[in-house]
Protein backbone atom coordinates (compact mmCIF):
# COMPACT_ATOMS: atom_id res chain seq x y z
CA UNK A 1 0.00 0.00 0.00
CA UNK A 2 1.61 3.21 -1.17
CA UNK A 3 1.87 6.41 0.80
CA UNK A 4 0.43 9.79 -0.21
CA UNK A 5 0.94 13.27 1.25
CA UNK A 6 -2.00 15.12 2.77
CA UNK A 7 -2.72 18.83 2.58
CA UNK A 8 -1.09 19.17 6.01
CA UNK A 9 2.29 19.23 4.20
CA UNK A 10 4.34 22.37 4.93
CA UNK A 11 6.79 21.76 2.06
CA UNK A 12 9.80 21.45 4.37
CA UNK A 13 11.43 18.80 2.17
CA UNK A 14 12.40 16.43 4.99
CA UNK A 15 10.62 13.51 3.32
CA UNK A 16 12.23 13.91 -0.10
CA UNK A 17 15.77 13.20 1.08
CA UNK A 18 14.67 10.20 3.19
CA UNK A 19 12.93 8.32 0.36
CA UNK A 20 15.09 5.34 -0.67
CA UNK A 21 13.50 5.14 -4.14
CA UNK A 22 13.34 8.90 -4.83
CA UNK A 23 9.59 8.90 -5.50
CA UNK A 24 8.88 12.16 -3.61
CA UNK A 25 9.08 15.52 -5.37
CA UNK A 26 7.91 19.10 -4.88
CA UNK A 27 4.39 19.69 -6.11
CA UNK A 28 1.98 22.61 -6.22
CA UNK A 29 1.99 23.84 -2.62
CA UNK A 30 3.04 20.49 -1.12
CA UNK A 31 5.27 17.52 -1.84
CA UNK A 32 3.84 14.59 -3.80
CA UNK A 33 4.58 10.87 -3.87
CA UNK A 34 4.60 8.84 -7.08
CA UNK A 35 2.44 6.02 -5.75
CA UNK A 36 3.48 3.65 -8.54
CA UNK A 37 7.12 3.86 -7.39
CA UNK A 38 6.46 4.00 -3.62
CA UNK A 39 7.63 0.86 -1.77
CA UNK A 40 5.57 1.65 1.36
CA UNK A 41 8.61 1.76 3.65
CA UNK A 42 7.32 4.66 5.77
CA UNK A 43 10.64 6.51 5.82
CA UNK A 44 8.87 9.71 4.80
CA UNK A 45 6.31 9.41 7.60
CA UNK A 46 9.06 8.85 10.17
CA UNK A 47 10.69 12.24 9.49
CA UNK A 48 7.69 14.45 8.73
CA UNK A 49 7.19 17.12 11.42
CA UNK A 50 3.45 17.44 10.66
CA UNK A 51 2.58 13.77 9.98
CA UNK A 52 1.52 14.51 6.38
CA UNK A 53 2.51 11.21 4.67
CA UNK A 54 -0.19 8.57 5.16
CA UNK A 55 -0.58 5.02 3.87
CA UNK A 56 -3.22 4.68 1.17
CA UNK A 57 -6.09 2.44 2.30
PDB file of N, CA and C in Angstrom:
ATOM      1  N   UNK A   1       0.843  -1.169   0.000  1.00  0.00           N
ATOM      2  CA  UNK A   1       0.000   0.000   0.000  1.00  0.00           C
ATOM      3  C   UNK A   1       0.890   1.235   0.000  1.00  0.00           C
ATOM      4  N   UNK A   2       0.772   2.025  -0.995  1.00  0.00           N
ATOM      5  CA  UNK A   2       1.609   3.210  -1.174  1.00  0.00           C
ATOM      6  C   UNK A   2       1.210   4.327  -0.217  1.00  0.00           C
ATOM      7  N   UNK A   3       2.132   5.230  -0.007  1.00  0.00           N
ATOM      8  CA  UNK A   3       1.870   6.415   0.799  1.00  0.00           C
ATOM      9  C   UNK A   3       1.454   7.560  -0.112  1.00  0.00           C
ATOM     10  N   UNK A   4       0.766   8.539   0.472  1.00  0.00           N
ATOM     11  CA  UNK A   4       0.434   9.786  -0.206  1.00  0.00           C
ATOM     12  C   UNK A   4       0.657  10.905   0.802  1.00  0.00           C
ATOM     13  N   UNK A   5       0.695  12.135   0.359  1.00  0.00           N
ATOM     14  CA  UNK A   5       0.937  13.267   1.249  1.00  0.00           C
ATOM     15  C   UNK A   5      -0.323  14.120   1.326  1.00  0.00           C
ATOM     16  N   UNK A   6      -0.772  14.358   2.546  1.00  0.00           N
ATOM     17  CA  UNK A   6      -1.999  15.123   2.769  1.00  0.00           C
ATOM     18  C   UNK A   6      -1.747  16.622   2.611  1.00  0.00           C
ATOM     19  N   UNK A   7      -2.812  17.380   2.669  1.00  0.00           N
ATOM     20  CA  UNK A   7      -2.720  18.834   2.577  1.00  0.00           C
ATOM     21  C   UNK A   7      -2.078  19.458   3.812  1.00  0.00           C
ATOM     22  N   UNK A   8      -1.781  18.659   4.821  1.00  0.00           N
ATOM     23  CA  UNK A   8      -1.089  19.166   6.008  1.00  0.00           C
ATOM     24  C   UNK A   8       0.373  19.480   5.725  1.00  0.00           C
ATOM     25  N   UNK A   9       0.885  19.036   4.584  1.00  0.00           N
ATOM     26  CA  UNK A   9       2.293  19.235   4.204  1.00  0.00           C
ATOM     27  C   UNK A   9       2.663  20.719   4.248  1.00  0.00           C
ATOM     28  N   UNK A  10       3.830  20.997   4.857  1.00  0.00           N
ATOM     29  CA  UNK A  10       4.335  22.375   4.935  1.00  0.00           C
ATOM     30  C   UNK A  10       5.506  22.608   3.983  1.00  0.00           C
ATOM     31  N   UNK A  11       5.730  21.658   3.080  1.00  0.00           N
ATOM     32  CA  UNK A  11       6.785  21.760   2.061  1.00  0.00           C
ATOM     33  C   UNK A  11       8.179  21.980   2.648  1.00  0.00           C
ATOM     34  N   UNK A  12       8.477  21.296   3.744  1.00  0.00           N
ATOM     35  CA  UNK A  12       9.797  21.452   4.370  1.00  0.00           C
ATOM     36  C   UNK A  12      10.873  20.646   3.654  1.00  0.00           C
ATOM     37  N   UNK A  13      10.475  19.595   2.937  1.00  0.00           N
ATOM     38  CA  UNK A  13      11.431  18.802   2.174  1.00  0.00           C
ATOM     39  C   UNK A  13      12.091  17.669   2.928  1.00  0.00           C
ATOM     40  N   UNK A  14      11.767  17.492   4.189  1.00  0.00           N
ATOM     41  CA  UNK A  14      12.399  16.432   4.988  1.00  0.00           C
ATOM     42  C   UNK A  14      12.156  15.053   4.384  1.00  0.00           C
ATOM     43  N   UNK A  15      10.980  14.821   3.860  1.00  0.00           N
ATOM     44  CA  UNK A  15      10.624  13.507   3.320  1.00  0.00           C
ATOM     45  C   UNK A  15      11.385  13.167   2.042  1.00  0.00           C
ATOM     46  N   UNK A  16      11.608  14.162   1.207  1.00  0.00           N
ATOM     47  CA  UNK A  16      12.230  13.913  -0.099  1.00  0.00           C
ATOM     48  C   UNK A  16      13.601  13.257   0.042  1.00  0.00           C
ATOM     49  N   UNK A  17      14.417  13.750   0.939  1.00  0.00           N
ATOM     50  CA  UNK A  17      15.768  13.205   1.083  1.00  0.00           C
ATOM     51  C   UNK A  17      15.787  11.844   1.781  1.00  0.00           C
ATOM     52  N   UNK A  18      14.737  11.485   2.488  1.00  0.00           N
ATOM     53  CA  UNK A  18      14.675  10.199   3.187  1.00  0.00           C
ATOM     54  C   UNK A  18      14.173   9.061   2.314  1.00  0.00           C
ATOM     55  N   UNK A  19      13.533   9.355   1.208  1.00  0.00           N
ATOM     56  CA  UNK A  19      12.928   8.317   0.362  1.00  0.00           C
ATOM     57  C   UNK A  19      14.009   7.486  -0.338  1.00  0.00           C
ATOM     58  N   UNK A  20      14.054   6.178  -0.078  1.00  0.00           N
ATOM     59  CA  UNK A  20      15.094   5.338  -0.673  1.00  0.00           C
ATOM     60  C   UNK A  20      14.915   5.088  -2.170  1.00  0.00           C
ATOM     61  N   UNK A  21      13.730   5.359  -2.708  1.00  0.00           N
ATOM     62  CA  UNK A  21      13.502   5.140  -4.144  1.00  0.00           C
ATOM     63  C   UNK A  21      13.230   6.448  -4.890  1.00  0.00           C
ATOM     64  N   UNK A  22      13.485   7.570  -4.232  1.00  0.00           N
ATOM     65  CA  UNK A  22      13.343   8.904  -4.829  1.00  0.00           C
ATOM     66  C   UNK A  22      11.991   9.105  -5.540  1.00  0.00           C
ATOM     67  N   UNK A  23      10.905   8.732  -4.875  1.00  0.00           N
ATOM     68  CA  UNK A  23       9.589   8.898  -5.498  1.00  0.00           C
ATOM     69  C   UNK A  23       8.831  10.113  -4.963  1.00  0.00           C
ATOM     70  N   UNK A  24       9.500  10.961  -4.171  1.00  0.00           N
ATOM     71  CA  UNK A  24       8.878  12.165  -3.613  1.00  0.00           C
ATOM     72  C   UNK A  24       9.479  13.385  -4.290  1.00  0.00           C
ATOM     73  N   UNK A  25       8.605  14.308  -4.700  1.00  0.00           N
ATOM     74  CA  UNK A  25       9.078  15.516  -5.368  1.00  0.00           C
ATOM     75  C   UNK A  25       8.193  16.702  -4.991  1.00  0.00           C
ATOM     76  N   UNK A  26       8.727  17.924  -5.166  1.00  0.00           N
ATOM     77  CA  UNK A  26       7.914  19.099  -4.877  1.00  0.00           C
ATOM     78  C   UNK A  26       6.722  19.165  -5.830  1.00  0.00           C
ATOM     79  N   UNK A  27       5.588  19.528  -5.287  1.00  0.00           N
ATOM     80  CA  UNK A  27       4.393  19.692  -6.106  1.00  0.00           C
ATOM     81  C   UNK A  27       3.867  21.110  -5.960  1.00  0.00           C
ATOM     82  N   UNK A  28       2.618  21.292  -6.283  1.00  0.00           N
ATOM     83  CA  UNK A  28       1.978  22.605  -6.216  1.00  0.00           C
ATOM     84  C   UNK A  28       1.500  22.869  -4.787  1.00  0.00           C
ATOM     85  N   UNK A  29       2.347  23.499  -3.984  1.00  0.00           N
ATOM     86  CA  UNK A  29       1.994  23.836  -2.616  1.00  0.00           C
ATOM     87  C   UNK A  29       2.292  22.758  -1.587  1.00  0.00           C
ATOM     88  N   UNK A  30       2.667  21.573  -2.030  1.00  0.00           N
ATOM     89  CA  UNK A  30       3.038  20.487  -1.122  1.00  0.00           C
ATOM     90  C   UNK A  30       3.855  19.469  -1.903  1.00  0.00           C
ATOM     91  N   UNK A  31       4.528  18.587  -1.181  1.00  0.00           N
ATOM     92  CA  UNK A  31       5.270  17.519  -1.838  1.00  0.00           C
ATOM     93  C   UNK A  31       4.301  16.424  -2.273  1.00  0.00           C
ATOM     94  N   UNK A  32       4.682  15.669  -3.286  1.00  0.00           N
ATOM     95  CA  UNK A  32       3.843  14.588  -3.799  1.00  0.00           C
ATOM     96  C   UNK A  32       4.661  13.306  -3.898  1.00  0.00           C
ATOM     97  N   UNK A  33       3.961  12.189  -3.774  1.00  0.00           N
ATOM     98  CA  UNK A  33       4.582  10.873  -3.874  1.00  0.00           C
ATOM     99  C   UNK A  33       4.075  10.190  -5.128  1.00  0.00           C
ATOM    100  N   UNK A  34       4.988   9.658  -5.939  1.00  0.00           N
ATOM    101  CA  UNK A  34       4.598   8.839  -7.083  1.00  0.00           C
ATOM    102  C   UNK A  34       4.219   7.473  -6.517  1.00  0.00           C
ATOM    103  N   UNK A  35       2.927   7.224  -6.413  1.00  0.00           N
ATOM    104  CA  UNK A  35       2.444   6.017  -5.747  1.00  0.00           C
ATOM    105  C   UNK A  35       2.786   4.735  -6.501  1.00  0.00           C
ATOM    106  N   UNK A  36       3.085   4.832  -7.776  1.00  0.00           N
ATOM    107  CA  UNK A  36       3.482   3.645  -8.542  1.00  0.00           C
ATOM    108  C   UNK A  36       4.915   3.218  -8.198  1.00  0.00           C
ATOM    109  N   UNK A  37       5.730   4.163  -7.742  1.00  0.00           N
ATOM    110  CA  UNK A  37       7.116   3.862  -7.388  1.00  0.00           C
ATOM    111  C   UNK A  37       7.309   3.653  -5.888  1.00  0.00           C
ATOM    112  N   UNK A  38       6.362   4.089  -5.076  1.00  0.00           N
ATOM    113  CA  UNK A  38       6.464   3.996  -3.619  1.00  0.00           C
ATOM    114  C   UNK A  38       6.532   2.533  -3.183  1.00  0.00           C
ATOM    115  N   UNK A  39       7.479   2.240  -2.267  1.00  0.00           N
ATOM    116  CA  UNK A  39       7.629   0.865  -1.767  1.00  0.00           C
ATOM    117  C   UNK A  39       7.024   0.702  -0.370  1.00  0.00           C
ATOM    118  N   UNK A  40       6.289   1.692   0.082  1.00  0.00           N
ATOM    119  CA  UNK A  40       5.571   1.651   1.364  1.00  0.00           C
ATOM    120  C   UNK A  40       6.481   1.400   2.563  1.00  0.00           C
ATOM    121  N   UNK A  41       7.656   1.985   2.555  1.00  0.00           N
ATOM    122  CA  UNK A  41       8.607   1.762   3.649  1.00  0.00           C
ATOM    123  C   UNK A  41       8.315   2.633   4.866  1.00  0.00           C
ATOM    124  N   UNK A  42       7.649   3.780   4.660  1.00  0.00           N
ATOM    125  CA  UNK A  42       7.321   4.662   5.767  1.00  0.00           C
ATOM    126  C   UNK A  42       8.420   5.605   6.184  1.00  0.00           C
ATOM    127  N   UNK A  43       9.534   5.625   5.468  1.00  0.00           N
ATOM    128  CA  UNK A  43      10.643   6.510   5.825  1.00  0.00           C
ATOM    129  C   UNK A  43      10.194   7.972   5.823  1.00  0.00           C
ATOM    130  N   UNK A  44       9.356   8.335   4.886  1.00  0.00           N
ATOM    131  CA  UNK A  44       8.865   9.711   4.802  1.00  0.00           C
ATOM    132  C   UNK A  44       8.028  10.076   6.029  1.00  0.00           C
ATOM    133  N   UNK A  45       7.174   9.163   6.442  1.00  0.00           N
ATOM    134  CA  UNK A  45       6.313   9.409   7.603  1.00  0.00           C
ATOM    135  C   UNK A  45       7.125   9.537   8.883  1.00  0.00           C
ATOM    136  N   UNK A  46       8.232   8.826   8.960  1.00  0.00           N
ATOM    137  CA  UNK A  46       9.056   8.849  10.168  1.00  0.00           C
ATOM    138  C   UNK A  46       9.763  10.182  10.389  1.00  0.00           C
ATOM    139  N   UNK A  47       9.967  10.968   9.342  1.00  0.00           N
ATOM    140  CA  UNK A  47      10.692  12.235   9.487  1.00  0.00           C
ATOM    141  C   UNK A  47       9.803  13.470   9.342  1.00  0.00           C
ATOM    142  N   UNK A  48       8.574  13.303   8.963  1.00  0.00           N
ATOM    143  CA  UNK A  48       7.690  14.446   8.727  1.00  0.00           C
ATOM    144  C   UNK A  48       7.276  15.115  10.047  1.00  0.00           C
ATOM    145  N   UNK A  49       7.535  16.420  10.176  1.00  0.00           N
ATOM    146  CA  UNK A  49       7.194  17.115  11.421  1.00  0.00           C
ATOM    147  C   UNK A  49       5.690  17.341  11.616  1.00  0.00           C
ATOM    148  N   UNK A  50       4.895  17.200  10.544  1.00  0.00           N
ATOM    149  CA  UNK A  50       3.449  17.435  10.661  1.00  0.00           C
ATOM    150  C   UNK A  50       2.625  16.194  10.333  1.00  0.00           C
ATOM    151  N   UNK A  51       3.278  15.034  10.216  1.00  0.00           N
ATOM    152  CA  UNK A  51       2.580  13.772   9.979  1.00  0.00           C
ATOM    153  C   UNK A  51       1.734  13.786   8.701  1.00  0.00           C
ATOM    154  N   UNK A  52       2.268  14.399   7.619  1.00  0.00           N
ATOM    155  CA  UNK A  52       1.516  14.508   6.381  1.00  0.00           C
ATOM    156  C   UNK A  52       1.504  13.228   5.527  1.00  0.00           C
ATOM    157  N   UNK A  53       2.576  12.445   5.466  1.00  0.00           N
ATOM    158  CA  UNK A  53       2.507  11.206   4.670  1.00  0.00           C
ATOM    159  C   UNK A  53       1.629  10.171   5.383  1.00  0.00           C
ATOM    160  N   UNK A  54       0.733   9.588   4.632  1.00  0.00           N
ATOM    161  CA  UNK A  54      -0.191   8.574   5.159  1.00  0.00           C
ATOM    162  C   UNK A  54      -0.223   7.383   4.216  1.00  0.00           C
ATOM    163  N   UNK A  55      -0.423   6.177   4.760  1.00  0.00           N
ATOM    164  CA  UNK A  55      -0.581   5.025   3.873  1.00  0.00           C
ATOM    165  C   UNK A  55      -1.944   5.055   3.189  1.00  0.00           C
ATOM    166  N   UNK A  56      -1.960   4.730   1.934  1.00  0.00           N
ATOM    167  CA  UNK A  56      -3.220   4.683   1.167  1.00  0.00           C
ATOM    168  C   UNK A  56      -3.972   3.441   1.587  1.00  0.00           C
ATOM    169  N   UNK A  57      -5.253   3.593   1.897  1.00  0.00           N
ATOM    170  CA  UNK A  57      -6.088   2.440   2.302  1.00  0.00           C
ATOM    171  C   UNK A  57      -6.428   1.556   1.137  1.00  0.00           C
TER     172      UNK A  57
END
